[in-house]
Amino acid sequence: MDETVASFSYDLNALRLEYKTTCDALKSWGGGDPSEQEFLLQKKQEVFRCLAEYSFQSAAI
């Protein structure tokens, strides 16, 4: 079975909020399915990469 893939477009404020809420979710992790925690960790890394890329691009201007 194929997995569904979704794409999102965020402005900088929304991206920062996405990172903050993901970090908060990890801090308050109450247990449960370990794959959900792994997903949050991967999402945190990807959102951080986006923020770092934005910082790098805006510094080059």
N, C-alpha and C. Protein backbone atom coordinates (compact mmCIF):
# COMPACT_ATOMS: atom_id res chain seq x y z
N MET A 1 0.83 -1.18 0.00
CA MET A 1 0.00 0.00 0.00
C MET A 1 0.87 1.25 0.00
N ASP A 2 0.57 2.20 -0.86
CA ASP A 2 1.33 3.45 -0.94
C ASP A 2 0.94 4.38 0.20
N GLU A 3 1.94 5.12 0.68
CA GLU A 3 1.67 6.13 1.70
C GLU A 3 1.22 7.42 1.03
N THR A 4 0.34 8.12 1.68
CA THR A 4 -0.08 9.42 1.19
C THR A 4 0.96 10.45 1.57
N VAL A 5 1.28 11.33 0.65
CA VAL A 5 2.26 12.38 0.90
C VAL A 5 1.54 13.72 0.75
N ALA A 6 1.81 14.62 1.68
CA ALA A 6 1.22 15.96 1.64
C ALA A 6 2.33 16.99 1.68
N SER A 7 2.08 18.10 1.03
CA SER A 7 3.03 19.22 1.04
C SER A 7 2.33 20.43 1.64
N PHE A 8 3.11 21.23 2.36
CA PHE A 8 2.58 22.43 2.99
C PHE A 8 3.47 23.61 2.66
N SER A 9 2.88 24.77 2.62
CA SER A 9 3.62 26.02 2.47
C SER A 9 3.41 26.84 3.72
N TYR A 10 4.51 27.26 4.36
CA TYR A 10 4.44 28.04 5.58
C TYR A 10 5.17 29.36 5.38
N ASP A 11 4.64 30.43 5.98
CA ASP A 11 5.45 31.63 6.07
C ASP A 11 6.38 31.45 7.27
N LEU A 12 7.28 32.39 7.47
CA LEU A 12 8.29 32.23 8.51
C LEU A 12 7.68 32.11 9.91
N ASN A 13 6.66 32.90 10.21
CA ASN A 13 6.03 32.83 11.53
C ASN A 13 5.38 31.47 11.76
N ALA A 14 4.71 30.95 10.76
CA ALA A 14 4.08 29.64 10.88
C ALA A 14 5.13 28.54 11.05
N LEU A 15 6.24 28.67 10.35
CA LEU A 15 7.31 27.69 10.47
C LEU A 15 7.90 27.70 11.88
N ARG A 16 8.10 28.89 12.44
CA ARG A 16 8.60 28.98 13.81
C ARG A 16 7.61 28.37 14.79
N LEU A 17 6.32 28.61 14.59
CA LEU A 17 5.31 28.04 15.46
C LEU A 17 5.26 26.52 15.33
N GLU A 18 5.42 26.03 14.12
CA GLU A 18 5.46 24.57 13.90
C GLU A 18 6.62 23.94 14.68
N TYR A 19 7.77 24.60 14.64
CA TYR A 19 8.94 24.09 15.37
C TYR A 19 8.67 24.11 16.88
N LYS A 20 8.11 25.22 17.38
CA LYS A 20 7.84 25.35 18.81
C LYS A 20 6.84 24.30 19.28
N THR A 21 5.76 24.11 18.54
CA THR A 21 4.75 23.15 18.97
C THR A 21 5.27 21.72 18.89
N THR A 22 6.12 21.44 17.94
CA THR A 22 6.73 20.11 17.85
C THR A 22 7.66 19.87 19.04
N CYS A 23 8.47 20.87 19.39
CA CYS A 23 9.35 20.75 20.56
C CYS A 23 8.53 20.57 21.83
N ASP A 24 7.44 21.34 21.95
CA ASP A 24 6.58 21.21 23.13
C ASP A 24 5.96 19.81 23.21
N ALA A 25 5.54 19.27 22.08
CA ALA A 25 4.96 17.93 22.06
C ALA A 25 5.98 16.88 22.50
N LEU A 26 7.23 17.05 22.09
CA LEU A 26 8.27 16.11 22.50
C LEU A 26 8.59 16.24 23.99
N LYS A 27 8.61 17.48 24.50
CA LYS A 27 8.89 17.70 25.92
C LYS A 27 7.83 17.08 26.81
N SER A 28 6.58 17.15 26.36
CA SER A 28 5.49 16.65 27.18
C SER A 28 5.03 15.25 26.75
N TRP A 29 5.90 14.55 26.05
CA TRP A 29 5.56 13.21 25.53
C TRP A 29 5.09 12.33 26.69
N GLY A 30 3.89 11.83 26.58
CA GLY A 30 3.31 11.02 27.64
C GLY A 30 3.41 9.53 27.42
N GLY A 31 4.13 9.14 26.39
CA GLY A 31 4.24 7.72 26.08
C GLY A 31 3.27 7.36 24.98
N GLY A 32 3.19 6.09 24.72
CA GLY A 32 2.32 5.62 23.65
C GLY A 32 3.13 4.97 22.55
N ASP A 33 2.61 5.04 21.36
CA ASP A 33 3.24 4.42 20.20
C ASP A 33 4.60 5.08 19.93
N PRO A 34 5.69 4.31 20.03
CA PRO A 34 7.02 4.90 19.81
C PRO A 34 7.21 5.48 18.41
N SER A 35 6.46 4.99 17.43
CA SER A 35 6.60 5.53 16.07
C SER A 35 6.11 6.98 16.01
N GLU A 36 5.17 7.35 16.87
CA GLU A 36 4.71 8.74 16.91
C GLU A 36 5.81 9.65 17.44
N GLN A 37 6.52 9.20 18.45
CA GLN A 37 7.62 9.99 18.99
C GLN A 37 8.74 10.11 17.95
N GLU A 38 9.02 9.04 17.26
CA GLU A 38 10.04 9.07 16.20
C GLU A 38 9.63 10.04 15.09
N PHE A 39 8.35 10.05 14.74
CA PHE A 39 7.86 10.99 13.73
C PHE A 39 8.08 12.43 14.19
N LEU A 40 7.78 12.72 15.45
CA LEU A 40 7.97 14.07 15.97
C LEU A 40 9.44 14.47 15.94
N LEU A 41 10.32 13.54 16.28
CA LEU A 41 11.76 13.82 16.23
C LEU A 41 12.21 14.14 14.81
N GLN A 42 11.75 13.36 13.85
CA GLN A 42 12.11 13.61 12.46
C GLN A 42 11.53 14.93 11.97
N LYS A 43 10.29 15.21 12.36
CA LYS A 43 9.67 16.47 11.96
C LYS A 43 10.42 17.66 12.55
N LYS A 44 10.84 17.54 13.80
CA LYS A 44 11.61 18.61 14.44
C LYS A 44 12.88 18.89 13.65
N GLN A 45 13.58 17.84 13.24
CA GLN A 45 14.81 18.00 12.47
C GLN A 45 14.55 18.67 11.12
N GLU A 46 13.48 18.26 10.44
CA GLU A 46 13.16 18.82 9.13
C GLU A 46 12.77 20.29 9.23
N VAL A 47 11.96 20.62 10.23
CA VAL A 47 11.55 22.02 10.40
C VAL A 47 12.76 22.88 10.76
N PHE A 48 13.64 22.33 11.61
CA PHE A 48 14.86 23.07 11.96
C PHE A 48 15.70 23.33 10.72
N ARG A 49 15.81 22.33 9.84
CA ARG A 49 16.56 22.51 8.59
C ARG A 49 15.97 23.64 7.76
N CYS A 50 14.65 23.70 7.71
CA CYS A 50 13.99 24.78 6.96
C CYS A 50 14.31 26.14 7.57
N LEU A 51 14.27 26.23 8.88
CA LEU A 51 14.60 27.49 9.55
C LEU A 51 16.06 27.88 9.32
N ALA A 52 16.94 26.90 9.37
CA ALA A 52 18.36 27.17 9.14
C ALA A 52 18.59 27.62 7.70
N GLU A 53 17.91 26.99 6.76
CA GLU A 53 18.03 27.37 5.35
C GLU A 53 17.54 28.80 5.15
N TYR A 54 16.44 29.15 5.79
CA TYR A 54 15.93 30.52 5.68
C TYR A 54 16.96 31.51 6.24
N SER A 55 17.54 31.19 7.39
CA SER A 55 18.55 32.07 8.00
C SER A 55 19.75 32.24 7.08
N PHE A 56 20.18 31.13 6.48
CA PHE A 56 21.33 31.18 5.57
C PHE A 56 21.01 32.04 4.35
N GLN A 57 19.84 31.84 3.77
CA GLN A 57 19.47 32.60 2.57
C GLN A 57 19.28 34.08 2.87
N SER A 58 18.69 34.39 4.02
CA SER A 58 18.44 35.80 4.34
C SER A 58 19.75 36.50 4.71
N ALA A 59 20.73 35.77 5.21
CA ALA A 59 22.03 36.37 5.54
C ALA A 59 22.83 36.66 4.26
N ALA A 60 22.56 35.94 3.20
CA ALA A 60 23.29 36.11 1.95
C ALA A 60 22.79 37.31 1.16
N ILE A 61 21.67 37.86 1.55
CA ILE A 61 21.09 38.99 0.80
C ILE A 61 21.79 40.28 1.13
